């Protein structure tokens, strides 16, 4: 049985807490707070304590899907982006964006930049604004 800890950064917020992903037989099975990390010094919030659980989830989407009458079908990333780009051309102020605290700061920055610069809308919100 192979066991190791791979140090990384928690994916949930912009704080940047250091975590160690516990890997056993090439599968992430837990998380260990990095006690030497200068940000969190060995402490993790509730989200950080479980930040590994989505990695091997059977419900995790791994490919783009398109809805058809018979259900969902896999399509290529290229085709999915073409469909989204074509459909976005039909909207102006009707479009709004809602981001998430589960995204990284970088992902939240990208979505607000896309909304404001590309689609020229300020209709953007975030679940942690309160």
N, C-alpha and C. Protein backbone atom coordinates (compact mmCIF):
# COMPACT_ATOMS: atom_id res chain seq x y z
N UNK A 1 0.85 -1.17 0.00
CA UNK A 1 0.00 0.00 0.00
C UNK A 1 0.89 1.24 0.00
N UNK A 2 0.70 2.08 -1.01
CA UNK A 2 1.46 3.32 -1.10
C UNK A 2 0.66 4.44 -0.45
N UNK A 3 1.33 5.24 0.38
CA UNK A 3 0.69 6.33 1.12
C UNK A 3 1.60 7.55 1.04
N UNK A 4 1.02 8.69 0.67
CA UNK A 4 1.81 9.92 0.66
C UNK A 4 0.90 11.12 0.86
N UNK A 5 1.49 12.26 1.18
CA UNK A 5 0.77 13.52 1.33
C UNK A 5 1.30 14.47 0.27
N UNK A 6 0.40 15.00 -0.55
CA UNK A 6 0.77 15.93 -1.61
C UNK A 6 0.30 17.33 -1.19
N UNK A 7 1.25 18.23 -0.95
CA UNK A 7 0.91 19.59 -0.51
C UNK A 7 0.38 20.43 -1.67
N UNK A 8 -0.69 21.15 -1.39
CA UNK A 8 -1.31 22.03 -2.38
C UNK A 8 -2.06 23.15 -1.65
N UNK A 9 -2.88 23.87 -2.38
CA UNK A 9 -3.67 24.97 -1.82
C UNK A 9 -5.14 24.59 -1.90
N UNK A 10 -5.89 24.90 -0.87
CA UNK A 10 -7.33 24.63 -0.85
C UNK A 10 -8.00 25.35 -2.02
N UNK A 11 -8.92 24.68 -2.73
CA UNK A 11 -9.52 25.27 -3.93
C UNK A 11 -10.72 26.19 -3.68
N UNK A 12 -11.16 26.35 -2.44
CA UNK A 12 -12.47 26.97 -2.24
C UNK A 12 -12.51 28.49 -2.13
N UNK A 13 -11.58 29.14 -1.56
CA UNK A 13 -11.69 30.59 -1.46
C UNK A 13 -10.33 31.23 -1.75
N UNK A 14 -10.27 32.51 -1.64
CA UNK A 14 -9.05 33.22 -1.98
C UNK A 14 -8.04 33.33 -0.85
N UNK A 15 -8.31 32.75 0.29
CA UNK A 15 -7.37 32.86 1.41
C UNK A 15 -6.05 32.16 1.08
N UNK A 16 -6.12 30.99 0.49
CA UNK A 16 -4.92 30.27 0.10
C UNK A 16 -4.35 29.37 1.17
N UNK A 17 -5.20 28.71 1.92
CA UNK A 17 -4.74 27.81 2.98
C UNK A 17 -3.99 26.62 2.39
N UNK A 18 -2.94 26.23 3.08
CA UNK A 18 -2.16 25.08 2.67
C UNK A 18 -2.78 23.79 3.18
N UNK A 19 -2.96 22.85 2.28
CA UNK A 19 -3.50 21.54 2.65
C UNK A 19 -2.61 20.46 2.07
N UNK A 20 -2.64 19.33 2.71
CA UNK A 20 -1.96 18.15 2.18
C UNK A 20 -3.01 17.14 1.80
N UNK A 21 -3.05 16.76 0.54
CA UNK A 21 -3.99 15.72 0.11
C UNK A 21 -3.39 14.36 0.45
N UNK A 22 -4.13 13.57 1.18
CA UNK A 22 -3.68 12.24 1.58
C UNK A 22 -4.00 11.28 0.43
N UNK A 23 -2.94 10.69 -0.14
CA UNK A 23 -3.09 9.81 -1.30
C UNK A 23 -2.71 8.40 -0.88
N UNK A 24 -3.63 7.46 -1.14
CA UNK A 24 -3.41 6.06 -0.80
C UNK A 24 -3.75 5.24 -2.04
N UNK A 25 -2.80 4.47 -2.52
CA UNK A 25 -2.98 3.67 -3.74
C UNK A 25 -3.46 4.53 -4.92
N UNK A 26 -2.83 5.69 -5.10
CA UNK A 26 -3.12 6.63 -6.18
C UNK A 26 -4.54 7.19 -6.15
N UNK A 27 -5.16 7.25 -4.97
CA UNK A 27 -6.49 7.84 -4.82
C UNK A 27 -6.47 8.78 -3.62
N UNK A 28 -7.01 9.99 -3.81
CA UNK A 28 -7.08 10.96 -2.71
C UNK A 28 -8.16 10.49 -1.75
N UNK A 29 -7.76 10.27 -0.49
CA UNK A 29 -8.69 9.72 0.52
C UNK A 29 -8.90 10.64 1.70
N UNK A 30 -8.18 11.75 1.76
CA UNK A 30 -8.34 12.66 2.88
C UNK A 30 -7.52 13.91 2.71
N UNK A 31 -7.62 14.77 3.71
CA UNK A 31 -6.89 16.03 3.69
C UNK A 31 -6.23 16.23 5.05
N UNK A 32 -5.08 16.82 5.01
CA UNK A 32 -4.29 17.07 6.22
C UNK A 32 -3.91 18.55 6.21
N UNK A 33 -4.24 19.31 7.25
CA UNK A 33 -3.85 20.73 7.26
C UNK A 33 -2.33 20.88 7.35
N UNK A 34 -1.78 21.72 6.52
CA UNK A 34 -0.34 21.95 6.50
C UNK A 34 0.04 22.86 7.66
N UNK A 35 0.67 22.29 8.68
CA UNK A 35 1.00 23.05 9.89
C UNK A 35 2.10 24.07 9.68
N UNK A 36 2.88 23.93 8.63
CA UNK A 36 3.97 24.87 8.35
C UNK A 36 3.58 25.95 7.35
N UNK A 37 2.33 25.90 6.86
CA UNK A 37 1.90 26.90 5.88
C UNK A 37 1.67 28.24 6.60
N UNK A 38 2.21 29.34 6.07
CA UNK A 38 2.12 30.63 6.76
C UNK A 38 0.72 31.23 6.83
N UNK A 39 -0.19 30.79 6.02
CA UNK A 39 -1.54 31.37 6.03
C UNK A 39 -2.41 30.74 7.12
N UNK A 40 -2.57 29.44 7.09
CA UNK A 40 -3.50 28.79 8.02
C UNK A 40 -2.83 28.09 9.19
N UNK A 41 -1.53 27.93 9.17
CA UNK A 41 -0.76 27.35 10.29
C UNK A 41 -1.40 26.10 10.88
N UNK A 42 -1.87 25.20 10.02
CA UNK A 42 -2.40 23.92 10.50
C UNK A 42 -3.88 23.92 10.82
N UNK A 43 -4.59 24.98 10.49
CA UNK A 43 -6.02 25.02 10.75
C UNK A 43 -6.76 25.06 9.41
N UNK A 44 -7.94 24.44 9.36
CA UNK A 44 -8.77 24.48 8.16
C UNK A 44 -10.22 24.75 8.55
N UNK A 45 -10.93 25.44 7.67
CA UNK A 45 -12.36 25.67 7.89
C UNK A 45 -13.13 24.41 7.49
N UNK A 46 -14.45 24.45 7.61
CA UNK A 46 -15.28 23.28 7.27
C UNK A 46 -15.13 22.91 5.81
N UNK A 47 -15.06 23.89 4.92
CA UNK A 47 -14.91 23.58 3.49
C UNK A 47 -13.55 22.95 3.23
N UNK A 48 -12.51 23.50 3.84
CA UNK A 48 -11.16 22.98 3.65
C UNK A 48 -10.99 21.56 4.15
N UNK A 49 -11.69 21.22 5.23
CA UNK A 49 -11.59 19.87 5.78
C UNK A 49 -12.12 18.80 4.84
N UNK A 50 -12.98 19.20 3.92
CA UNK A 50 -13.58 18.24 2.99
C UNK A 50 -13.32 18.59 1.53
N UNK A 51 -12.26 19.36 1.29
CA UNK A 51 -12.01 19.88 -0.06
C UNK A 51 -11.59 18.81 -1.06
N UNK A 52 -11.42 17.60 -0.65
CA UNK A 52 -10.99 16.53 -1.54
C UNK A 52 -12.15 15.67 -2.05
N UNK A 53 -13.32 15.79 -1.44
CA UNK A 53 -14.39 14.82 -1.69
C UNK A 53 -14.94 14.82 -3.12
N UNK A 54 -14.85 15.94 -3.80
CA UNK A 54 -15.40 15.98 -5.16
C UNK A 54 -14.50 15.30 -6.19
N UNK A 55 -13.25 15.07 -5.85
CA UNK A 55 -12.27 14.59 -6.83
C UNK A 55 -12.69 13.27 -7.47
N UNK A 56 -13.13 12.32 -6.68
CA UNK A 56 -13.47 11.00 -7.20
C UNK A 56 -14.98 10.75 -7.19
N UNK A 57 -15.78 11.80 -7.12
CA UNK A 57 -17.23 11.64 -7.07
C UNK A 57 -17.76 11.01 -8.35
N UNK A 58 -18.68 10.07 -8.21
CA UNK A 58 -19.29 9.44 -9.38
C UNK A 58 -20.20 10.42 -10.12
N UNK A 59 -20.62 11.50 -9.45
CA UNK A 59 -21.49 12.50 -10.06
C UNK A 59 -20.72 13.62 -10.75
N UNK A 60 -19.42 13.59 -10.67
CA UNK A 60 -18.61 14.65 -11.25
C UNK A 60 -18.67 14.61 -12.78
N UNK A 61 -18.98 15.76 -13.38
CA UNK A 61 -19.01 15.84 -14.84
C UNK A 61 -17.59 15.92 -15.36
N UNK A 62 -17.30 15.13 -16.37
CA UNK A 62 -15.95 15.10 -16.92
C UNK A 62 -15.91 15.51 -18.38
N UNK A 63 -17.08 15.60 -19.02
CA UNK A 63 -17.18 16.01 -20.42
C UNK A 63 -18.41 16.89 -20.58
N UNK A 64 -18.40 17.77 -21.58
CA UNK A 64 -19.59 18.60 -21.82
C UNK A 64 -20.77 17.73 -22.27
N UNK A 65 -21.96 18.16 -21.85
CA UNK A 65 -23.18 17.45 -22.22
C UNK A 65 -24.13 18.42 -22.91
N UNK A 66 -24.93 17.91 -23.82
CA UNK A 66 -25.97 18.69 -24.47
C UNK A 66 -27.29 17.97 -24.25
N UNK A 67 -28.33 18.77 -23.94
CA UNK A 67 -29.64 18.18 -23.67
C UNK A 67 -30.38 17.97 -24.99
N UNK A 68 -30.86 16.76 -25.16
CA UNK A 68 -31.67 16.39 -26.31
C UNK A 68 -32.98 15.81 -25.79
N UNK A 69 -33.90 15.54 -26.68
CA UNK A 69 -35.19 14.97 -26.25
C UNK A 69 -35.02 13.64 -25.53
N UNK A 70 -34.02 12.89 -25.92
CA UNK A 70 -33.79 11.57 -25.32
C UNK A 70 -32.94 11.63 -24.05
N UNK A 71 -32.50 12.83 -23.65
CA UNK A 71 -31.66 12.98 -22.47
C UNK A 71 -30.39 13.75 -22.80
N UNK A 72 -29.35 13.53 -22.03
CA UNK A 72 -28.09 14.22 -22.24
C UNK A 72 -27.13 13.36 -23.06
N UNK A 73 -26.39 14.02 -23.96
CA UNK A 73 -25.38 13.33 -24.76
C UNK A 73 -24.06 14.07 -24.65
N UNK A 74 -22.96 13.31 -24.66
CA UNK A 74 -21.63 13.92 -24.62
C UNK A 74 -21.33 14.60 -25.95
N UNK A 75 -20.66 15.77 -25.86
CA UNK A 75 -20.17 16.46 -27.05
C UNK A 75 -18.76 16.94 -26.77
N UNK A 76 -18.06 17.39 -27.78
CA UNK A 76 -16.69 17.86 -27.60
C UNK A 76 -16.70 19.26 -26.98
N UNK A 77 -15.59 19.63 -26.38
CA UNK A 77 -15.47 20.98 -25.82
C UNK A 77 -15.59 22.03 -26.92
N UNK A 78 -15.02 21.74 -28.07
CA UNK A 78 -15.09 22.68 -29.19
C UNK A 78 -16.54 22.93 -29.60
N UNK A 79 -17.32 21.88 -29.73
CA UNK A 79 -18.73 22.01 -30.12
C UNK A 79 -19.52 22.73 -29.03
N UNK A 80 -19.26 22.43 -27.77
CA UNK A 80 -19.95 23.09 -26.66
C UNK A 80 -19.68 24.59 -26.67
N UNK A 81 -18.43 24.98 -26.87
CA UNK A 81 -18.10 26.41 -26.92
C UNK A 81 -18.73 27.09 -28.12
N UNK A 82 -18.80 26.40 -29.25
CA UNK A 82 -19.45 26.97 -30.43
C UNK A 82 -20.93 27.24 -30.15
N UNK A 83 -21.60 26.31 -29.51
CA UNK A 83 -23.03 26.46 -29.20
C UNK A 83 -23.24 27.63 -28.23
N UNK A 84 -22.43 27.71 -27.20
CA UNK A 84 -22.55 28.81 -26.22
C UNK A 84 -22.29 30.15 -26.89
N UNK A 85 -21.23 30.24 -27.67
CA UNK A 85 -20.89 31.51 -28.34
C UNK A 85 -22.01 31.94 -29.28
N UNK A 86 -22.56 31.01 -30.02
CA UNK A 86 -23.63 31.33 -30.97
C UNK A 86 -24.88 31.82 -30.23
N UNK A 87 -25.22 31.16 -29.14
CA UNK A 87 -26.42 31.55 -28.39
C UNK A 87 -26.24 32.87 -27.64
N UNK A 88 -25.04 33.17 -27.18
CA UNK A 88 -24.81 34.44 -26.46
C UNK A 88 -24.99 35.66 -27.36
N UNK A 89 -24.83 35.49 -28.66
CA UNK A 89 -24.99 36.60 -29.60
C UNK A 89 -26.42 37.14 -29.59
N UNK A 90 -27.36 36.35 -29.13
CA UNK A 90 -28.78 36.74 -29.14
C UNK A 90 -29.19 37.56 -27.93
N UNK A 91 -28.30 37.80 -26.99
CA UNK A 91 -28.66 38.48 -25.74
C UNK A 91 -27.90 39.78 -25.57
N UNK A 92 -28.52 40.72 -24.86
CA UNK A 92 -27.86 41.97 -24.48
C UNK A 92 -27.94 42.08 -22.96
N UNK A 93 -28.87 42.90 -22.46
CA UNK A 93 -29.00 43.09 -21.01
C UNK A 93 -29.72 41.94 -20.31
N UNK A 94 -30.23 41.00 -21.07
CA UNK A 94 -30.95 39.88 -20.46
C UNK A 94 -30.02 38.91 -19.75
N UNK A 95 -28.73 39.04 -19.98
CA UNK A 95 -27.75 38.11 -19.43
C UNK A 95 -27.27 38.60 -18.06
N UNK A 96 -27.17 37.68 -17.13
CA UNK A 96 -26.61 37.97 -15.82
C UNK A 96 -25.70 36.83 -15.41
N UNK A 97 -24.80 37.11 -14.50
CA UNK A 97 -23.85 36.11 -14.03
C UNK A 97 -23.94 36.01 -12.52
N UNK A 98 -23.86 34.81 -12.02
CA UNK A 98 -23.84 34.57 -10.59
C UNK A 98 -22.67 33.66 -10.32
N UNK A 99 -21.72 34.15 -9.54
CA UNK A 99 -20.52 33.39 -9.27
C UNK A 99 -20.64 32.70 -7.91
N UNK A 100 -19.58 32.05 -7.49
CA UNK A 100 -19.66 31.19 -6.32
C UNK A 100 -18.43 31.29 -5.43
N UNK A 101 -18.64 31.12 -4.15
CA UNK A 101 -17.52 31.06 -3.21
C UNK A 101 -16.75 29.76 -3.37
N UNK A 102 -17.30 28.81 -4.10
CA UNK A 102 -16.59 27.56 -4.37
C UNK A 102 -15.57 27.73 -5.48
N UNK A 103 -15.65 28.86 -6.18
CA UNK A 103 -14.66 29.15 -7.22
C UNK A 103 -13.44 29.80 -6.58
N UNK A 104 -12.33 29.72 -7.25
CA UNK A 104 -11.14 30.42 -6.76
C UNK A 104 -11.26 31.90 -7.07
N UNK A 105 -10.42 32.72 -6.47
CA UNK A 105 -10.41 34.15 -6.78
C UNK A 105 -10.17 34.37 -8.26
N UNK A 106 -9.29 33.57 -8.84
CA UNK A 106 -8.97 33.71 -10.26
C UNK A 106 -10.19 33.41 -11.13
N UNK A 107 -10.94 32.38 -10.77
CA UNK A 107 -12.14 32.04 -11.54
C UNK A 107 -13.21 33.13 -11.40
N UNK A 108 -13.36 33.68 -10.19
CA UNK A 108 -14.32 34.77 -9.99
C UNK A 108 -13.89 36.02 -10.77
N UNK A 109 -12.61 36.29 -10.81
CA UNK A 109 -12.10 37.43 -11.59
C UNK A 109 -12.41 37.24 -13.07
N UNK A 110 -12.17 36.04 -13.57
CA UNK A 110 -12.40 35.76 -14.99
C UNK A 110 -13.87 35.95 -15.35
N UNK A 111 -14.78 35.46 -14.50
CA UNK A 111 -16.20 35.56 -14.85
C UNK A 111 -16.67 37.01 -14.83
N UNK A 112 -16.19 37.80 -13.86
CA UNK A 112 -16.62 39.20 -13.83
C UNK A 112 -16.00 39.98 -14.98
N UNK A 113 -14.78 39.66 -15.35
CA UNK A 113 -14.12 40.32 -16.48
C UNK A 113 -14.85 39.97 -17.78
N UNK A 114 -15.22 38.70 -17.95
CA UNK A 114 -15.96 38.27 -19.13
C UNK A 114 -17.30 39.00 -19.20
N UNK A 115 -18.01 39.08 -18.08
CA UNK A 115 -19.31 39.74 -18.06
C UNK A 115 -19.18 41.22 -18.44
N UNK A 116 -18.21 41.90 -17.85
CA UNK A 116 -18.10 43.35 -18.04
C UNK A 116 -17.47 43.74 -19.37
N UNK A 117 -16.44 43.02 -19.78
CA UNK A 117 -15.70 43.42 -20.98
C UNK A 117 -16.29 42.79 -22.25
N UNK A 118 -16.53 41.49 -22.22
CA UNK A 118 -16.98 40.81 -23.43
C UNK A 118 -18.46 41.06 -23.68
N UNK A 119 -19.30 40.85 -22.65
CA UNK A 119 -20.74 41.00 -22.85
C UNK A 119 -21.26 42.38 -22.44
N UNK A 120 -20.37 43.21 -21.91
CA UNK A 120 -20.69 44.60 -21.56
C UNK A 120 -21.92 44.70 -20.64
N UNK A 121 -21.93 43.88 -19.62
CA UNK A 121 -23.00 43.94 -18.63
C UNK A 121 -22.39 44.01 -17.23
N UNK A 122 -23.06 44.74 -16.37
CA UNK A 122 -22.68 44.77 -14.95
C UNK A 122 -23.59 43.87 -14.12
N UNK A 123 -24.37 43.05 -14.79
CA UNK A 123 -25.30 42.15 -14.10
C UNK A 123 -24.53 40.93 -13.59
N UNK A 124 -23.83 41.14 -12.50
CA UNK A 124 -23.03 40.06 -11.92
C UNK A 124 -23.19 40.10 -10.40
N UNK A 125 -23.32 38.95 -9.79
CA UNK A 125 -23.47 38.86 -8.36
C UNK A 125 -22.64 37.68 -7.86
N UNK A 126 -22.55 37.57 -6.55
CA UNK A 126 -21.73 36.53 -5.92
C UNK A 126 -22.41 36.13 -4.62
N UNK A 127 -22.41 34.87 -4.30
CA UNK A 127 -23.13 34.38 -3.13
C UNK A 127 -22.51 34.82 -1.81
N UNK A 128 -21.30 35.31 -1.81
CA UNK A 128 -20.64 35.69 -0.54
C UNK A 128 -20.61 37.21 -0.35
N UNK A 129 -21.40 37.94 -1.11
CA UNK A 129 -21.33 39.40 -1.03
C UNK A 129 -21.87 39.97 0.26
N UNK A 130 -22.65 39.19 1.00
CA UNK A 130 -23.23 39.68 2.24
C UNK A 130 -22.18 39.71 3.33
